[in-house]
Amino acid sequence: MARIIRYILLVLFSATAVAQTRVIKPVKKAYSKTTNFGIGAGYTNSVLFLNRNVKENNDARGFTFSLIYGGARILRTSIEYTHYQSIDIEPTWYNIKAGAVEANIHVIARFKKTNAFF
């Protein structure tokens, strides 16, 4: 009888030991809180090269605004708008108002051994 009681206690003890084992879950990877969206603004200065321009200081100045989105791993897109101030190109054109819109797609080249890309 003592043998049966020892056997039952052994079975119960081993069942309890198995029931108390911890389940190890994989650690979730923590991602840095960065964004793939950028906004930019700036001032631009462009020189006009025209044959009929007789002015010495013939710069077209203006403001530029840009939106950049880098959603894919190898591609980045950008849209830029430039608004130029009015300019006179004597003796032919007066009070010229200009603006330009650009849409670009950038292909990113990454390196395996370094933390840099173009």
N, C-alpha and C. Protein backbone atom coordinates (compact mmCIF):
# COMPACT_ATOMS: atom_id res chain seq x y z
N MET A 1 0.80 -1.19 0.00
CA MET A 1 0.00 0.00 0.00
C MET A 1 0.85 1.27 0.00
N ALA A 2 1.93 1.24 0.77
CA ALA A 2 2.83 2.37 0.81
C ALA A 2 3.46 2.60 -0.56
N ARG A 3 3.69 1.50 -1.26
CA ARG A 3 4.26 1.60 -2.59
C ARG A 3 3.29 2.32 -3.54
N ILE A 4 2.02 2.04 -3.47
CA ILE A 4 1.01 2.67 -4.33
C ILE A 4 0.88 4.15 -3.99
N ILE A 5 0.92 4.48 -2.71
CA ILE A 5 0.83 5.89 -2.30
C ILE A 5 2.04 6.66 -2.81
N ARG A 6 3.25 6.09 -2.71
CA ARG A 6 4.45 6.75 -3.25
C ARG A 6 4.34 6.94 -4.76
N TYR A 7 3.82 5.96 -5.43
CA TYR A 7 3.65 6.04 -6.89
C TYR A 7 2.65 7.15 -7.25
N ILE A 8 1.54 7.25 -6.53
CA ILE A 8 0.53 8.29 -6.78
C ILE A 8 1.12 9.67 -6.49
N LEU A 9 1.86 9.81 -5.40
CA LEU A 9 2.50 11.10 -5.08
C LEU A 9 3.54 11.48 -6.13
N LEU A 10 4.27 10.52 -6.60
CA LEU A 10 5.26 10.78 -7.64
C LEU A 10 4.59 11.26 -8.92
N VAL A 11 3.49 10.63 -9.31
CA VAL A 11 2.75 11.04 -10.51
C VAL A 11 2.17 12.44 -10.32
N LEU A 12 1.58 12.71 -9.17
CA LEU A 12 1.01 14.04 -8.91
C LEU A 12 2.08 15.12 -8.87
N PHE A 13 3.23 14.83 -8.25
CA PHE A 13 4.31 15.80 -8.18
C PHE A 13 4.87 16.11 -9.56
N SER A 14 5.06 15.08 -10.39
CA SER A 14 5.59 15.32 -11.73
C SER A 14 4.57 16.06 -12.59
N ALA A 15 3.27 15.82 -12.43
CA ALA A 15 2.24 16.54 -13.18
C ALA A 15 2.22 18.00 -12.77
N THR A 16 2.42 18.27 -11.48
CA THR A 16 2.46 19.65 -11.01
C THR A 16 3.71 20.35 -11.53
N ALA A 17 4.81 19.68 -11.58
CA ALA A 17 6.04 20.28 -12.08
C ALA A 17 5.92 20.62 -13.55
N VAL A 18 5.27 19.77 -14.32
CA VAL A 18 5.08 20.04 -15.74
C VAL A 18 4.11 21.20 -15.93
N ALA A 19 3.10 21.29 -15.09
CA ALA A 19 2.11 22.35 -15.22
C ALA A 19 2.68 23.71 -14.86
N GLN A 20 3.76 23.75 -14.13
CA GLN A 20 4.31 25.02 -13.69
C GLN A 20 5.44 25.52 -14.59
N THR A 21 5.73 24.85 -15.66
CA THR A 21 6.80 25.34 -16.55
C THR A 21 6.34 26.61 -17.24
N ARG A 22 7.26 27.55 -17.41
CA ARG A 22 6.95 28.83 -18.04
C ARG A 22 7.07 28.73 -19.53
N VAL A 23 6.20 29.41 -20.20
CA VAL A 23 6.27 29.49 -21.66
C VAL A 23 7.05 30.75 -22.01
N ILE A 24 8.11 30.58 -22.75
CA ILE A 24 8.93 31.72 -23.14
C ILE A 24 8.46 32.21 -24.50
N LYS A 25 7.99 33.45 -24.53
CA LYS A 25 7.51 34.05 -25.78
C LYS A 25 8.64 34.82 -26.42
N PRO A 26 8.66 34.88 -27.76
CA PRO A 26 9.71 35.66 -28.41
C PRO A 26 9.56 37.15 -28.12
N VAL A 27 10.67 37.81 -27.98
CA VAL A 27 10.67 39.24 -27.67
C VAL A 27 10.28 40.01 -28.93
N LYS A 28 9.33 40.92 -28.78
CA LYS A 28 8.93 41.73 -29.91
C LYS A 28 10.01 42.77 -30.20
N LYS A 29 10.28 42.94 -31.48
CA LYS A 29 11.31 43.87 -31.89
C LYS A 29 10.79 45.30 -31.76
N ALA A 30 11.55 46.14 -31.08
CA ALA A 30 11.14 47.53 -30.89
C ALA A 30 11.63 48.35 -32.08
N TYR A 31 10.71 48.98 -32.78
CA TYR A 31 11.06 49.82 -33.91
C TYR A 31 11.22 51.26 -33.45
N SER A 32 12.16 51.94 -34.06
CA SER A 32 12.35 53.34 -33.71
C SER A 32 11.18 54.16 -34.25
N LYS A 33 10.86 55.22 -33.56
CA LYS A 33 9.73 56.05 -33.94
C LYS A 33 10.18 57.10 -34.96
N THR A 34 10.25 56.69 -36.20
CA THR A 34 10.63 57.60 -37.27
C THR A 34 9.48 57.70 -38.26
N THR A 35 9.58 58.69 -39.12
CA THR A 35 8.56 58.88 -40.13
C THR A 35 9.20 58.85 -41.51
N ASN A 36 8.41 58.54 -42.50
CA ASN A 36 8.88 58.51 -43.87
C ASN A 36 8.41 59.72 -44.65
N PHE A 37 7.93 60.74 -43.98
CA PHE A 37 7.36 61.91 -44.62
C PHE A 37 8.15 63.14 -44.20
N GLY A 38 8.48 63.99 -45.17
CA GLY A 38 9.24 65.20 -44.87
C GLY A 38 8.67 66.41 -45.56
N ILE A 39 8.80 67.56 -44.92
CA ILE A 39 8.34 68.83 -45.47
C ILE A 39 9.52 69.79 -45.45
N GLY A 40 9.68 70.56 -46.54
CA GLY A 40 10.78 71.51 -46.60
C GLY A 40 10.36 72.83 -47.22
N ALA A 41 11.08 73.88 -46.87
CA ALA A 41 10.85 75.20 -47.43
C ALA A 41 12.19 75.90 -47.53
N GLY A 42 12.32 76.78 -48.53
CA GLY A 42 13.59 77.48 -48.69
C GLY A 42 13.49 78.66 -49.64
N TYR A 43 14.61 79.29 -49.84
CA TYR A 43 14.72 80.44 -50.71
C TYR A 43 15.65 80.06 -51.86
N THR A 44 15.27 80.39 -53.10
CA THR A 44 16.07 80.01 -54.26
C THR A 44 16.51 81.23 -55.04
N ASN A 45 17.65 81.09 -55.72
CA ASN A 45 18.22 82.16 -56.52
C ASN A 45 18.71 81.54 -57.83
N SER A 46 18.08 81.89 -58.95
CA SER A 46 18.45 81.33 -60.25
C SER A 46 18.90 82.46 -61.17
N VAL A 47 19.95 82.19 -61.93
CA VAL A 47 20.47 83.17 -62.89
C VAL A 47 19.85 82.90 -64.25
N LEU A 48 19.40 83.97 -64.93
CA LEU A 48 18.81 83.86 -66.27
C LEU A 48 19.89 84.10 -67.31
N PHE A 49 20.05 83.17 -68.24
CA PHE A 49 21.01 83.32 -69.33
C PHE A 49 20.25 83.50 -70.63
N LEU A 50 20.00 84.75 -71.00
CA LEU A 50 19.30 85.07 -72.25
C LEU A 50 20.14 86.04 -73.06
N ASN A 51 20.11 85.91 -74.39
CA ASN A 51 20.91 86.79 -75.25
C ASN A 51 20.44 88.23 -75.18
N ARG A 52 19.15 88.46 -75.07
CA ARG A 52 18.62 89.81 -75.13
C ARG A 52 18.58 90.50 -73.78
N ASN A 53 19.01 89.84 -72.75
CA ASN A 53 18.99 90.43 -71.41
C ASN A 53 20.17 91.38 -71.26
N VAL A 54 19.89 92.65 -70.97
CA VAL A 54 20.95 93.65 -70.86
C VAL A 54 21.22 94.03 -69.41
N LYS A 55 20.45 93.51 -68.49
CA LYS A 55 20.67 93.82 -67.07
C LYS A 55 21.86 93.04 -66.54
N GLU A 56 22.60 93.69 -65.63
CA GLU A 56 23.74 93.01 -65.04
C GLU A 56 23.30 92.00 -63.97
N ASN A 57 22.41 92.40 -63.10
CA ASN A 57 21.91 91.51 -62.05
C ASN A 57 20.59 90.91 -62.53
N ASN A 58 20.67 89.78 -63.16
CA ASN A 58 19.49 89.16 -63.77
C ASN A 58 19.08 87.89 -63.03
N ASP A 59 19.02 87.97 -61.73
CA ASP A 59 18.67 86.80 -60.93
C ASP A 59 17.16 86.71 -60.74
N ALA A 60 16.65 85.51 -60.81
CA ALA A 60 15.25 85.24 -60.49
C ALA A 60 15.23 84.63 -59.09
N ARG A 61 14.62 85.34 -58.15
CA ARG A 61 14.58 84.89 -56.76
C ARG A 61 13.18 84.45 -56.41
N GLY A 62 13.08 83.48 -55.51
CA GLY A 62 11.77 83.00 -55.12
C GLY A 62 11.82 82.06 -53.94
N PHE A 63 10.68 81.50 -53.63
CA PHE A 63 10.54 80.57 -52.51
C PHE A 63 10.20 79.19 -53.04
N THR A 64 10.74 78.17 -52.38
CA THR A 64 10.49 76.79 -52.79
C THR A 64 9.93 75.98 -51.62
N PHE A 65 9.00 75.10 -51.92
CA PHE A 65 8.37 74.23 -50.93
C PHE A 65 8.44 72.79 -51.44
N SER A 66 8.69 71.84 -50.54
CA SER A 66 8.83 70.45 -50.99
C SER A 66 8.15 69.50 -50.00
N LEU A 67 7.64 68.41 -50.56
CA LEU A 67 7.08 67.29 -49.80
C LEU A 67 7.80 66.03 -50.25
N ILE A 68 8.30 65.25 -49.29
CA ILE A 68 9.06 64.04 -49.61
C ILE A 68 8.45 62.87 -48.86
N TYR A 69 8.25 61.75 -49.58
CA TYR A 69 7.74 60.54 -48.95
C TYR A 69 8.63 59.37 -49.33
N GLY A 70 9.17 58.69 -48.34
CA GLY A 70 10.03 57.54 -48.58
C GLY A 70 9.38 56.27 -48.10
N GLY A 71 8.28 55.88 -48.69
CA GLY A 71 7.50 54.74 -48.23
C GLY A 71 8.12 53.39 -48.56
N ALA A 72 8.80 53.27 -49.68
CA ALA A 72 9.38 51.99 -50.08
C ALA A 72 10.84 51.91 -49.63
N ARG A 73 11.39 50.72 -49.65
CA ARG A 73 12.77 50.55 -49.21
C ARG A 73 13.78 51.07 -50.23
N ILE A 74 13.44 51.01 -51.51
CA ILE A 74 14.41 51.45 -52.52
C ILE A 74 13.96 52.68 -53.29
N LEU A 75 12.75 53.16 -53.07
CA LEU A 75 12.26 54.34 -53.80
C LEU A 75 11.82 55.43 -52.83
N ARG A 76 12.01 56.67 -53.28
CA ARG A 76 11.54 57.83 -52.54
C ARG A 76 10.95 58.80 -53.55
N THR A 77 9.83 59.42 -53.25
CA THR A 77 9.20 60.37 -54.17
C THR A 77 9.19 61.74 -53.53
N SER A 78 9.24 62.77 -54.38
CA SER A 78 9.19 64.14 -53.87
C SER A 78 8.46 65.02 -54.86
N ILE A 79 7.81 66.03 -54.32
CA ILE A 79 7.13 67.05 -55.12
C ILE A 79 7.63 68.39 -54.62
N GLU A 80 8.06 69.25 -55.55
CA GLU A 80 8.58 70.57 -55.19
C GLU A 80 7.85 71.63 -55.99
N TYR A 81 7.55 72.74 -55.34
CA TYR A 81 6.94 73.88 -56.01
C TYR A 81 7.80 75.11 -55.74
N THR A 82 8.13 75.86 -56.78
CA THR A 82 8.92 77.07 -56.65
C THR A 82 8.12 78.23 -57.21
N HIS A 83 7.99 79.29 -56.43
CA HIS A 83 7.30 80.51 -56.86
C HIS A 83 8.33 81.63 -56.94
N TYR A 84 8.54 82.15 -58.15
CA TYR A 84 9.51 83.22 -58.37
C TYR A 84 8.83 84.58 -58.24
N GLN A 85 9.58 85.56 -57.74
CA GLN A 85 9.08 86.93 -57.67
C GLN A 85 9.03 87.51 -59.08
N SER A 86 8.25 88.55 -59.28
CA SER A 86 8.16 89.13 -60.62
C SER A 86 9.50 89.74 -61.02
N ILE A 87 9.81 89.64 -62.31
CA ILE A 87 11.10 90.09 -62.83
C ILE A 87 10.89 90.76 -64.17
N ASP A 88 11.74 91.73 -64.48
CA ASP A 88 11.73 92.41 -65.77
C ASP A 88 12.98 92.00 -66.55
N ILE A 89 12.78 91.51 -67.77
CA ILE A 89 13.89 91.18 -68.66
C ILE A 89 13.84 92.19 -69.80
N GLU A 90 14.57 93.26 -69.62
CA GLU A 90 14.55 94.36 -70.59
C GLU A 90 15.37 93.99 -71.80
N PRO A 91 15.09 94.40 -72.96
CA PRO A 91 14.04 95.31 -73.40
C PRO A 91 12.79 94.59 -73.89
N THR A 92 12.68 93.29 -73.71
CA THR A 92 11.58 92.56 -74.33
C THR A 92 10.43 92.27 -73.38
N TRP A 93 10.70 91.69 -72.20
CA TRP A 93 9.64 91.22 -71.32
C TRP A 93 9.64 92.02 -70.02
N TYR A 94 8.44 92.35 -69.55
CA TYR A 94 8.29 93.11 -68.31
C TYR A 94 7.26 92.42 -67.42
N ASN A 95 7.49 92.52 -66.12
CA ASN A 95 6.58 92.00 -65.08
C ASN A 95 6.24 90.51 -65.31
N ILE A 96 7.28 89.70 -65.41
CA ILE A 96 7.11 88.26 -65.61
C ILE A 96 6.91 87.61 -64.24
N LYS A 97 5.86 86.81 -64.14
CA LYS A 97 5.59 86.03 -62.92
C LYS A 97 5.69 84.56 -63.29
N ALA A 98 6.49 83.82 -62.53
CA ALA A 98 6.74 82.42 -62.90
C ALA A 98 6.65 81.52 -61.69
N GLY A 99 6.36 80.26 -61.97
CA GLY A 99 6.34 79.21 -60.96
C GLY A 99 6.72 77.89 -61.61
N ALA A 100 7.23 76.97 -60.83
CA ALA A 100 7.63 75.68 -61.37
C ALA A 100 7.23 74.57 -60.41
N VAL A 101 6.79 73.45 -60.99
CA VAL A 101 6.43 72.27 -60.20
C VAL A 101 7.30 71.11 -60.68
N GLU A 102 7.90 70.39 -59.72
CA GLU A 102 8.73 69.23 -60.05
C GLU A 102 8.19 68.01 -59.31
N ALA A 103 8.20 66.89 -59.98
CA ALA A 103 7.88 65.60 -59.36
C ALA A 103 9.05 64.67 -59.64
N ASN A 104 9.63 64.11 -58.58
CA ASN A 104 10.84 63.29 -58.72
C ASN A 104 10.65 61.94 -58.06
N ILE A 105 11.33 60.94 -58.61
CA ILE A 105 11.43 59.62 -58.00
C ILE A 105 12.92 59.33 -57.81
N HIS A 106 13.30 59.05 -56.58
CA HIS A 106 14.70 58.79 -56.24
C HIS A 106 14.87 57.29 -56.01
N VAL A 107 15.90 56.70 -56.60
CA VAL A 107 16.25 55.30 -56.36
C VAL A 107 17.38 55.30 -55.34
N ILE A 108 17.19 54.59 -54.25
CA ILE A 108 18.15 54.60 -53.15
C ILE A 108 19.09 53.41 -53.28
N ALA A 109 20.39 53.68 -53.17
CA ALA A 109 21.40 52.62 -53.18
C ALA A 109 21.91 52.45 -51.75
N ARG A 110 21.79 51.24 -51.21
CA ARG A 110 22.21 50.96 -49.84
C ARG A 110 23.43 50.04 -49.85
N PHE A 111 24.22 50.11 -48.79
CA PHE A 111 25.40 49.27 -48.64
C PHE A 111 25.20 48.31 -47.48
N LYS A 112 25.66 47.07 -47.62
CA LYS A 112 25.45 46.06 -46.59
C LYS A 112 26.35 46.27 -45.37
N LYS A 113 27.59 46.67 -45.57
CA LYS A 113 28.54 46.73 -44.48
C LYS A 113 28.54 48.06 -43.74
N THR A 114 27.95 49.09 -44.30
CA THR A 114 27.93 50.39 -43.64
C THR A 114 26.49 50.86 -43.44
N ASN A 115 26.34 51.90 -42.67
CA ASN A 115 25.02 52.43 -42.37
C ASN A 115 24.79 53.69 -43.21
N ALA A 116 25.04 53.62 -44.50
CA ALA A 116 24.91 54.79 -45.38
C ALA A 116 24.15 54.39 -46.63
N PHE A 117 23.53 55.37 -47.25
CA PHE A 117 22.87 55.16 -48.53
C PHE A 117 22.86 56.46 -49.31
N PHE A 118 22.72 56.33 -50.64
CA PHE A 118 22.67 57.50 -51.53
C PHE A 118 21.28 57.65 -52.07
